[in-house]
Structures are given as C-alpha cells and as structure tokens.
Amino acid sequence: FSTENWKRPKREVDFLMKLPEEFLGTFLPEL
C-alpha cells in the first residue's frame, strides 16, 4: 500500500486495511 493509495475509493481502502489482519491472522502460525 503506497502513500498515494489513500486516493482510492474509501470502500477499497477500508478493505485493503483489513487485508493484513486476515493475511497475518491465518498465515502467522505458518510463518
């Protein structure tokens, strides 16, 4: 996520900000 990506639609930005939780929440034990 770049400093310029905040310009994207709010719904998309909100989803992108939730992805680290989902990714790390499921993948962390494997990491």
PDB file of all heavy atoms in Angstrom:
ATOM      1  N   PHE A   1       0.866  -1.192   0.000  1.00  0.00           N
ATOM      2  CA  PHE A   1       0.000   0.000   0.000  1.00  0.00           C
ATOM      3  C   PHE A   1       0.894   1.230   0.000  1.00  0.00           C
ATOM      4  O   PHE A   1       1.758   1.380   0.862  1.00  0.00           O
ATOM      5  CB  PHE A   1      -0.902   0.009   1.247  1.00  0.00           C
ATOM      6  CG  PHE A   1      -2.011   1.022   1.214  1.00  0.00           C
ATOM      7  CD1 PHE A   1      -3.252   0.700   0.682  1.00  0.00           C
ATOM      8  CD2 PHE A   1      -1.829   2.301   1.725  1.00  0.00           C
ATOM      9  CE1 PHE A   1      -4.289   1.629   0.656  1.00  0.00           C
ATOM     10  CE2 PHE A   1      -2.845   3.238   1.699  1.00  0.00           C
ATOM     11  CZ  PHE A   1      -4.083   2.895   1.164  1.00  0.00           C
ATOM     12  N   SER A   2       0.707   2.098  -0.985  1.00  0.00           N
ATOM     13  CA  SER A   2       1.553   3.282  -1.101  1.00  0.00           C
ATOM     14  C   SER A   2       0.894   4.485  -0.427  1.00  0.00           C
ATOM     15  O   SER A   2      -0.306   4.475  -0.127  1.00  0.00           O
ATOM     16  CB  SER A   2       1.815   3.610  -2.569  1.00  0.00           C
ATOM     17  OG  SER A   2       0.671   4.197  -3.162  1.00  0.00           O
ATOM     18  N   THR A   3       1.681   5.521  -0.213  1.00  0.00           N
ATOM     19  CA  THR A   3       1.141   6.751   0.364  1.00  0.00           C
ATOM     20  C   THR A   3       0.141   7.400  -0.576  1.00  0.00           C
ATOM     21  O   THR A   3      -0.683   8.213  -0.137  1.00  0.00           O
ATOM     22  CB  THR A   3       2.283   7.747   0.663  1.00  0.00           C
ATOM     23  OG1 THR A   3       3.131   7.862  -0.502  1.00  0.00           O
ATOM     24  CG2 THR A   3       3.134   7.267   1.833  1.00  0.00           C
ATOM     25  N   GLU A   4       0.189   7.046  -1.859  1.00  0.00           N
ATOM     26  CA  GLU A   4      -0.761   7.596  -2.827  1.00  0.00           C
ATOM     27  C   GLU A   4      -2.071   6.794  -2.894  1.00  0.00           C
ATOM     28  O   GLU A   4      -3.069   7.277  -3.431  1.00  0.00           O
ATOM     29  CB  GLU A   4      -0.132   7.630  -4.230  1.00  0.00           C
ATOM     30  CG  GLU A   4       0.995   8.656  -4.397  1.00  0.00           C
ATOM     31  CD  GLU A   4       2.287   8.228  -3.735  1.00  0.00           C
ATOM     32  OE1 GLU A   4       2.604   7.023  -3.728  1.00  0.00           O
ATOM     33  OE2 GLU A   4       2.984   9.116  -3.180  1.00  0.00           O
ATOM     34  N   ASN A   5      -2.058   5.585  -2.362  1.00  0.00           N
ATOM     35  CA  ASN A   5      -3.238   4.733  -2.468  1.00  0.00           C
ATOM     36  C   ASN A   5      -4.424   5.217  -1.634  1.00  0.00           C
ATOM     37  O   ASN A   5      -5.551   4.734  -1.812  1.00  0.00           O
ATOM     38  CB  ASN A   5      -2.907   3.290  -2.068  1.00  0.00           C
ATOM     39  CG  ASN A   5      -2.095   2.552  -3.116  1.00  0.00           C
ATOM     40  OD1 ASN A   5      -1.385   1.590  -2.807  1.00  0.00           O
ATOM     41  ND2 ASN A   5      -2.179   2.992  -4.372  1.00  0.00           N
ATOM     42  N   TRP A   6      -4.186   6.172  -0.739  1.00  0.00           N
ATOM     43  CA  TRP A   6      -5.309   6.734   0.034  1.00  0.00           C
ATOM     44  C   TRP A   6      -6.298   7.453  -0.867  1.00  0.00           C
ATOM     45  O   TRP A   6      -7.438   7.709  -0.469  1.00  0.00           O
ATOM     46  CB  TRP A   6      -4.779   7.697   1.100  1.00  0.00           C
ATOM     47  CG  TRP A   6      -3.911   7.060   2.143  1.00  0.00           C
ATOM     48  CD1 TRP A   6      -2.560   7.165   2.251  1.00  0.00           C
ATOM     49  CD2 TRP A   6      -4.334   6.205   3.222  1.00  0.00           C
ATOM     50  NE1 TRP A   6      -2.110   6.430   3.324  1.00  0.00           N
ATOM     51  CE2 TRP A   6      -3.179   5.836   3.943  1.00  0.00           C
ATOM     52  CE3 TRP A   6      -5.581   5.722   3.643  1.00  0.00           C
ATOM     53  CZ2 TRP A   6      -3.225   5.003   5.056  1.00  0.00           C
ATOM     54  CZ3 TRP A   6      -5.628   4.888   4.754  1.00  0.00           C
ATOM     55  CH2 TRP A   6      -4.468   4.538   5.447  1.00  0.00           C
ATOM     56  N   LYS A   7      -5.882   7.787  -2.096  1.00  0.00           N
ATOM     57  CA  LYS A   7      -6.764   8.481  -3.037  1.00  0.00           C
ATOM     58  C   LYS A   7      -7.838   7.560  -3.618  1.00  0.00           C
ATOM     59  O   LYS A   7      -8.761   8.032  -4.272  1.00  0.00           O
ATOM     60  CB  LYS A   7      -5.935   9.067  -4.192  1.00  0.00           C
ATOM     61  CG  LYS A   7      -4.853  10.046  -3.757  1.00  0.00           C
ATOM     62  CD  LYS A   7      -3.974  10.416  -4.939  1.00  0.00           C
ATOM     63  CE  LYS A   7      -2.798  11.274  -4.516  1.00  0.00           C
ATOM     64  NZ  LYS A   7      -1.879  11.558  -5.663  1.00  0.00           N
ATOM     65  N   ARG A   8      -7.710   6.267  -3.400  1.00  0.00           N
ATOM     66  CA  ARG A   8      -8.666   5.322  -3.957  1.00  0.00           C
ATOM     67  C   ARG A   8     -10.004   5.404  -3.212  1.00  0.00           C
ATOM     68  O   ARG A   8     -10.085   5.995  -2.126  1.00  0.00           O
ATOM     69  CB  ARG A   8      -8.099   3.897  -3.869  1.00  0.00           C
ATOM     70  CG  ARG A   8      -6.858   3.710  -4.734  1.00  0.00           C
ATOM     71  CD  ARG A   8      -6.405   2.269  -4.745  1.00  0.00           C
ATOM     72  NE  ARG A   8      -5.285   2.080  -5.653  1.00  0.00           N
ATOM     73  CZ  ARG A   8      -4.766   0.895  -5.965  1.00  0.00           C
ATOM     74  NH1 ARG A   8      -5.272  -0.209  -5.430  1.00  0.00           N
ATOM     75  NH2 ARG A   8      -3.742   0.804  -6.800  1.00  0.00           N
ATOM     76  N   PRO A   9     -11.067   4.815  -3.791  1.00  0.00           N
ATOM     77  CA  PRO A   9     -12.375   4.861  -3.126  1.00  0.00           C
ATOM     78  C   PRO A   9     -12.297   4.318  -1.694  1.00  0.00           C
ATOM     79  O   PRO A   9     -11.563   3.361  -1.424  1.00  0.00           O
ATOM     80  CB  PRO A   9     -13.248   3.962  -4.006  1.00  0.00           C
ATOM     81  CG  PRO A   9     -12.601   4.028  -5.352  1.00  0.00           C
ATOM     82  CD  PRO A   9     -11.128   4.134  -5.092  1.00  0.00           C
ATOM     83  N   LYS A  10     -13.045   4.941  -0.791  1.00  0.00           N
ATOM     84  CA  LYS A  10     -12.984   4.585   0.627  1.00  0.00           C
ATOM     85  C   LYS A  10     -13.255   3.103   0.859  1.00  0.00           C
ATOM     86  O   LYS A  10     -12.593   2.460   1.693  1.00  0.00           O
ATOM     87  CB  LYS A  10     -13.977   5.429   1.432  1.00  0.00           C
ATOM     88  CG  LYS A  10     -13.903   5.191   2.936  1.00  0.00           C
ATOM     89  CD  LYS A  10     -14.868   6.072   3.681  1.00  0.00           C
ATOM     90  CE  LYS A  10     -14.706   5.907   5.196  1.00  0.00           C
ATOM     91  NZ  LYS A  10     -14.918   4.511   5.645  1.00  0.00           N
ATOM     92  N   ARG A  11     -14.211   2.535   0.148  1.00  0.00           N
ATOM     93  CA  ARG A  11     -14.541   1.121   0.340  1.00  0.00           C
ATOM     94  C   ARG A  11     -13.330   0.241   0.030  1.00  0.00           C
ATOM     95  O   ARG A  11     -13.049  -0.737   0.740  1.00  0.00           O
ATOM     96  CB  ARG A  11     -15.721   0.729  -0.550  1.00  0.00           C
ATOM     97  CG  ARG A  11     -16.153  -0.734  -0.421  1.00  0.00           C
ATOM     98  CD  ARG A  11     -17.485  -0.965  -1.125  1.00  0.00           C
ATOM     99  NE  ARG A  11     -17.900  -2.356  -1.047  1.00  0.00           N
ATOM    100  CZ  ARG A  11     -17.700  -3.258  -1.991  1.00  0.00           C
ATOM    101  NH1 ARG A  11     -17.090  -2.890  -3.119  1.00  0.00           N
ATOM    102  NH2 ARG A  11     -18.116  -4.503  -1.843  1.00  0.00           N
ATOM    103  N   GLU A  12     -12.615   0.595  -1.035  1.00  0.00           N
ATOM    104  CA  GLU A  12     -11.444  -0.185  -1.406  1.00  0.00           C
ATOM    105  C   GLU A  12     -10.324  -0.018  -0.386  1.00  0.00           C
ATOM    106  O   GLU A  12      -9.676  -0.992   0.013  1.00  0.00           O
ATOM    107  CB  GLU A  12     -10.948   0.226  -2.795  1.00  0.00           C
ATOM    108  CG  GLU A  12      -9.760  -0.588  -3.278  1.00  0.00           C
ATOM    109  CD  GLU A  12      -9.343  -0.215  -4.695  1.00  0.00           C
ATOM    110  OE1 GLU A  12     -10.079   0.537  -5.375  1.00  0.00           O
ATOM    111  OE2 GLU A  12      -8.282  -0.697  -5.134  1.00  0.00           O
ATOM    112  N   VAL A  13     -10.118   1.206   0.063  1.00  0.00           N
ATOM    113  CA  VAL A  13      -9.078   1.465   1.068  1.00  0.00           C
ATOM    114  C   VAL A  13      -9.392   0.726   2.365  1.00  0.00           C
ATOM    115  O   VAL A  13      -8.516   0.096   2.971  1.00  0.00           O
ATOM    116  CB  VAL A  13      -8.937   2.979   1.338  1.00  0.00           C
ATOM    117  CG1 VAL A  13      -8.052   3.230   2.560  1.00  0.00           C
ATOM    118  CG2 VAL A  13      -8.357   3.679   0.117  1.00  0.00           C
ATOM    119  N   ASP A  14     -10.639   0.781   2.791  1.00  0.00           N
ATOM    120  CA  ASP A  14     -11.036   0.084   4.024  1.00  0.00           C
ATOM    121  C   ASP A  14     -10.772  -1.411   3.907  1.00  0.00           C
ATOM    122  O   ASP A  14     -10.317  -2.049   4.866  1.00  0.00           O
ATOM    123  CB  ASP A  14     -12.520   0.331   4.321  1.00  0.00           C
ATOM    124  CG  ASP A  14     -12.809   1.750   4.778  1.00  0.00           C
ATOM    125  OD1 ASP A  14     -11.843   2.461   5.131  1.00  0.00           O
ATOM    126  OD2 ASP A  14     -13.985   2.142   4.773  1.00  0.00           O
ATOM    127  N   PHE A  15     -11.050  -1.971   2.738  1.00  0.00           N
ATOM    128  CA  PHE A  15     -10.804  -3.402   2.539  1.00  0.00           C
ATOM    129  C   PHE A  15      -9.308  -3.702   2.578  1.00  0.00           C
ATOM    130  O   PHE A  15      -8.876  -4.680   3.200  1.00  0.00           O
ATOM    131  CB  PHE A  15     -11.395  -3.854   1.202  1.00  0.00           C
ATOM    132  CG  PHE A  15     -11.231  -5.326   0.943  1.00  0.00           C
ATOM    133  CD1 PHE A  15     -12.123  -6.240   1.472  1.00  0.00           C
ATOM    134  CD2 PHE A  15     -10.171  -5.798   0.182  1.00  0.00           C
ATOM    135  CE1 PHE A  15     -11.967  -7.608   1.245  1.00  0.00           C
ATOM    136  CE2 PHE A  15     -10.009  -7.154  -0.051  1.00  0.00           C
ATOM    137  CZ  PHE A  15     -10.913  -8.058   0.482  1.00  0.00           C
ATOM    138  N   LEU A  16      -8.520  -2.854   1.919  1.00  0.00           N
ATOM    139  CA  LEU A  16      -7.075  -3.057   1.906  1.00  0.00           C
ATOM    140  C   LEU A  16      -6.476  -2.988   3.307  1.00  0.00           C
ATOM    141  O   LEU A  16      -5.520  -3.695   3.625  1.00  0.00           O
ATOM    142  CB  LEU A  16      -6.406  -2.021   0.997  1.00  0.00           C
ATOM    143  CG  LEU A  16      -6.615  -2.214  -0.502  1.00  0.00           C
ATOM    144  CD1 LEU A  16      -6.167  -0.982  -1.272  1.00  0.00           C
ATOM    145  CD2 LEU A  16      -5.872  -3.452  -0.994  1.00  0.00           C
ATOM    146  N   MET A  17      -7.060  -2.150   4.160  1.00  0.00           N
ATOM    147  CA  MET A  17      -6.571  -2.028   5.527  1.00  0.00           C
ATOM    148  C   MET A  17      -6.960  -3.224   6.394  1.00  0.00           C
ATOM    149  O   MET A  17      -6.398  -3.445   7.473  1.00  0.00           O
ATOM    150  CB  MET A  17      -7.101  -0.733   6.159  1.00  0.00           C
ATOM    151  CG  MET A  17      -6.449   0.528   5.615  1.00  0.00           C
ATOM    152  SD  MET A  17      -4.659   0.619   5.957  1.00  0.00           S
ATOM    153  CE  MET A  17      -3.982   0.330   4.324  1.00  0.00           C
ATOM    154  N   LYS A  18      -7.932  -4.009   5.917  1.00  0.00           N
ATOM    155  CA  LYS A  18      -8.318  -5.219   6.647  1.00  0.00           C
ATOM    156  C   LYS A  18      -7.512  -6.441   6.203  1.00  0.00           C
ATOM    157  O   LYS A  18      -7.444  -7.445   6.919  1.00  0.00           O
ATOM    158  CB  LYS A  18      -9.810  -5.501   6.441  1.00  0.00           C
ATOM    159  CG  LYS A  18     -10.725  -4.494   7.119  1.00  0.00           C
ATOM    160  CD  LYS A  18     -12.190  -4.790   6.807  1.00  0.00           C
ATOM    161  CE  LYS A  18     -13.110  -3.747   7.448  1.00  0.00           C
ATOM    162  NZ  LYS A  18     -14.538  -3.967   7.077  1.00  0.00           N
ATOM    163  N   LEU A  19      -6.904  -6.352   5.026  1.00  0.00           N
ATOM    164  CA  LEU A  19      -6.170  -7.495   4.495  1.00  0.00           C
ATOM    165  C   LEU A  19      -5.007  -7.953   5.385  1.00  0.00           C
ATOM    166  O   LEU A  19      -4.814  -9.163   5.557  1.00  0.00           O
ATOM    167  CB  LEU A  19      -5.658  -7.196   3.085  1.00  0.00           C
ATOM    168  CG  LEU A  19      -6.646  -7.436   1.943  1.00  0.00           C
ATOM    169  CD1 LEU A  19      -5.992  -7.121   0.610  1.00  0.00           C
ATOM    170  CD2 LEU A  19      -7.163  -8.874   1.939  1.00  0.00           C
ATOM    171  N   PRO A  20      -4.207  -7.031   5.951  1.00  0.00           N
ATOM    172  CA  PRO A  20      -3.127  -7.507   6.823  1.00  0.00           C
ATOM    173  C   PRO A  20      -3.631  -8.339   7.994  1.00  0.00           C
ATOM    174  O   PRO A  20      -2.994  -9.322   8.380  1.00  0.00           O
ATOM    175  CB  PRO A  20      -2.474  -6.200   7.310  1.00  0.00           C
ATOM    176  CG  PRO A  20      -2.754  -5.221   6.225  1.00  0.00           C
ATOM    177  CD  PRO A  20      -4.128  -5.571   5.737  1.00  0.00           C
ATOM    178  N   GLU A  21      -4.790  -7.954   8.547  1.00  0.00           N
ATOM    179  CA  GLU A  21      -5.370  -8.745   9.645  1.00  0.00           C
ATOM    180  C   GLU A  21      -5.705 -10.149   9.175  1.00  0.00           C
ATOM    181  O   GLU A  21      -5.381 -11.146   9.840  1.00  0.00           O
ATOM    182  CB  GLU A  21      -6.643  -8.072  10.154  1.00  0.00           C
ATOM    183  CG  GLU A  21      -6.452  -6.765  10.876  1.00  0.00           C
ATOM    184  CD  GLU A  21      -7.792  -6.192  11.305  1.00  0.00           C
ATOM    185  OE1 GLU A  21      -8.260  -6.549  12.406  1.00  0.00           O
ATOM    186  OE2 GLU A  21      -8.370  -5.395  10.538  1.00  0.00           O
ATOM    187  N   GLU A  22      -6.357 -10.239   8.027  1.00  0.00           N
ATOM    188  CA  GLU A  22      -6.757 -11.541   7.525  1.00  0.00           C
ATOM    189  C   GLU A  22      -5.541 -12.376   7.129  1.00  0.00           C
ATOM    190  O   GLU A  22      -5.432 -13.559   7.484  1.00  0.00           O
ATOM    191  CB  GLU A  22      -7.690 -11.387   6.326  1.00  0.00           C
ATOM    192  CG  GLU A  22      -8.173 -12.714   5.762  1.00  0.00           C
ATOM    193  CD  GLU A  22      -9.131 -12.555   4.588  1.00  0.00           C
ATOM    194  OE1 GLU A  22      -9.581 -11.414   4.331  1.00  0.00           O
ATOM    195  OE2 GLU A  22      -9.418 -13.566   3.931  1.00  0.00           O
ATOM    196  N   PHE A  23      -4.629 -11.759   6.397  1.00  0.00           N
ATOM    197  CA  PHE A  23      -3.439 -12.465   5.934  1.00  0.00           C
ATOM    198  C   PHE A  23      -2.610 -12.975   7.107  1.00  0.00           C
ATOM    199  O   PHE A  23      -2.266 -14.162   7.187  1.00  0.00           O
ATOM    200  CB  PHE A  23      -2.599 -11.542   5.054  1.00  0.00           C
ATOM    201  CG  PHE A  23      -1.302 -12.154   4.588  1.00  0.00           C
ATOM    202  CD1 PHE A  23      -1.274 -12.981   3.479  1.00  0.00           C
ATOM    203  CD2 PHE A  23      -0.114 -11.897   5.250  1.00  0.00           C
ATOM    204  CE1 PHE A  23      -0.074 -13.556   3.044  1.00  0.00           C
ATOM    205  CE2 PHE A  23       1.077 -12.461   4.834  1.00  0.00           C
ATOM    206  CZ  PHE A  23       1.092 -13.291   3.723  1.00  0.00           C
ATOM    207  N   LEU A  24      -2.289 -12.068   8.024  1.00  0.00           N
ATOM    208  CA  LEU A  24      -1.431 -12.444   9.139  1.00  0.00           C
ATOM    209  C   LEU A  24      -2.167 -13.313  10.149  1.00  0.00           C
ATOM    210  O   LEU A  24      -1.562 -14.166  10.803  1.00  0.00           O
ATOM    211  CB  LEU A  24      -0.870 -11.180   9.806  1.00  0.00           C
ATOM    212  CG  LEU A  24       0.069 -10.362   8.913  1.00  0.00           C
ATOM    213  CD1 LEU A  24       0.365  -9.004   9.530  1.00  0.00           C
ATOM    214  CD2 LEU A  24       1.365 -11.125   8.661  1.00  0.00           C
ATOM    215  N   GLY A  25      -3.479 -13.103  10.256  1.00  0.00           N
ATOM    216  CA  GLY A  25      -4.255 -13.917  11.180  1.00  0.00           C
ATOM    217  C   GLY A  25      -4.263 -15.381  10.793  1.00  0.00           C
ATOM    218  O   GLY A  25      -4.221 -16.273  11.652  1.00  0.00           O
ATOM    219  N   THR A  26      -4.296 -15.657   9.486  1.00  0.00           N
ATOM    220  CA  THR A  26      -4.348 -17.045   9.020  1.00  0.00           C
ATOM    221  C   THR A  26      -2.962 -17.614   8.741  1.00  0.00           C
ATOM    222  O   THR A  26      -2.731 -18.809   8.907  1.00  0.00           O
ATOM    223  CB  THR A  26      -5.197 -17.149   7.741  1.00  0.00           C
ATOM    224  OG1 THR A  26      -4.657 -16.280   6.735  1.00  0.00           O
ATOM    225  CG2 THR A  26      -6.633 -16.733   8.017  1.00  0.00           C
ATOM    226  N   PHE A  27      -2.036 -16.777   8.325  1.00  0.00           N
ATOM    227  CA  PHE A  27      -0.728 -17.229   7.861  1.00  0.00           C
ATOM    228  C   PHE A  27       0.342 -17.181   8.950  1.00  0.00           C
ATOM    229  O   PHE A  27       1.390 -17.797   8.819  1.00  0.00           O
ATOM    230  CB  PHE A  27      -0.310 -16.372   6.665  1.00  0.00           C
ATOM    231  CG  PHE A  27       0.856 -16.888   5.869  1.00  0.00           C
ATOM    232  CD1 PHE A  27       1.192 -18.233   5.838  1.00  0.00           C
ATOM    233  CD2 PHE A  27       1.631 -16.013   5.113  1.00  0.00           C
ATOM    234  CE1 PHE A  27       2.261 -18.699   5.098  1.00  0.00           C
ATOM    235  CE2 PHE A  27       2.697 -16.462   4.369  1.00  0.00           C
ATOM    236  CZ  PHE A  27       3.011 -17.810   4.358  1.00  0.00           C
ATOM    237  N   LEU A  28       0.082 -16.450  10.043  1.00  0.00           N
ATOM    238  CA  LEU A  28       1.112 -16.243  11.061  1.00  0.00           C
ATOM    239  C   LEU A  28       1.658 -17.553  11.641  1.00  0.00           C
ATOM    240  O   LEU A  28       2.882 -17.692  11.775  1.00  0.00           O
ATOM    241  CB  LEU A  28       0.594 -15.331  12.170  1.00  0.00           C
ATOM    242  CG  LEU A  28       1.619 -14.927  13.240  1.00  0.00           C
ATOM    243  CD1 LEU A  28       2.840 -14.272  12.606  1.00  0.00           C
ATOM    244  CD2 LEU A  28       0.977 -13.972  14.249  1.00  0.00           C
ATOM    245  N   PRO A  29       0.810 -18.510  12.017  1.00  0.00           N
ATOM    246  CA  PRO A  29       1.370 -19.768  12.544  1.00  0.00           C
ATOM    247  C   PRO A  29       2.321 -20.441  11.562  1.00  0.00           C
ATOM    248  O   PRO A  29       3.356 -20.995  11.961  1.00  0.00           O
ATOM    249  CB  PRO A  29       0.120 -20.623  12.792  1.00  0.00           C
ATOM    250  CG  PRO A  29      -0.976 -19.637  12.998  1.00  0.00           C
ATOM    251  CD  PRO A  29      -0.663 -18.512  12.063  1.00  0.00           C
ATOM    252  N   GLU A  30       1.994 -20.366  10.278  1.00  0.00           N
ATOM    253  CA  GLU A  30       2.855 -20.961   9.260  1.00  0.00           C
ATOM    254  C   GLU A  30       4.157 -20.189   9.117  1.00  0.00           C
ATOM    255  O   GLU A  30       5.229 -20.774   8.938  1.00  0.00           O
ATOM    256  CB  GLU A  30       2.112 -20.992   7.924  1.00  0.00           C
ATOM    257  CG  GLU A  30       2.730 -21.902   6.890  1.00  0.00           C
ATOM    258  CD  GLU A  30       1.837 -22.085   5.674  1.00  0.00           C
ATOM    259  OE1 GLU A  30       0.606 -21.863   5.784  1.00  0.00           O
ATOM    260  OE2 GLU A  30       2.364 -22.445   4.615  1.00  0.00           O
ATOM    261  N   LEU A  31       4.086 -18.864   9.214  1.00  0.00           N
ATOM    262  CA  LEU A  31       5.296 -18.045   9.159  1.00  0.00           C
ATOM    263  C   LEU A  31       6.225 -18.377  10.313  1.00  0.00           C
ATOM    264  O   LEU A  31       7.448 -18.477  10.149  1.00  0.00           O
ATOM    265  CB  LEU A  31       4.929 -16.560   9.196  1.00  0.00           C
ATOM    266  CG  LEU A  31       4.214 -15.981   7.973  1.00  0.00           C
ATOM    267  CD1 LEU A  31       3.755 -14.559   8.250  1.00  0.00           C
ATOM    268  CD2 LEU A  31       5.116 -16.021   6.748  1.00  0.00           C
TER     269      LEU A  31
END
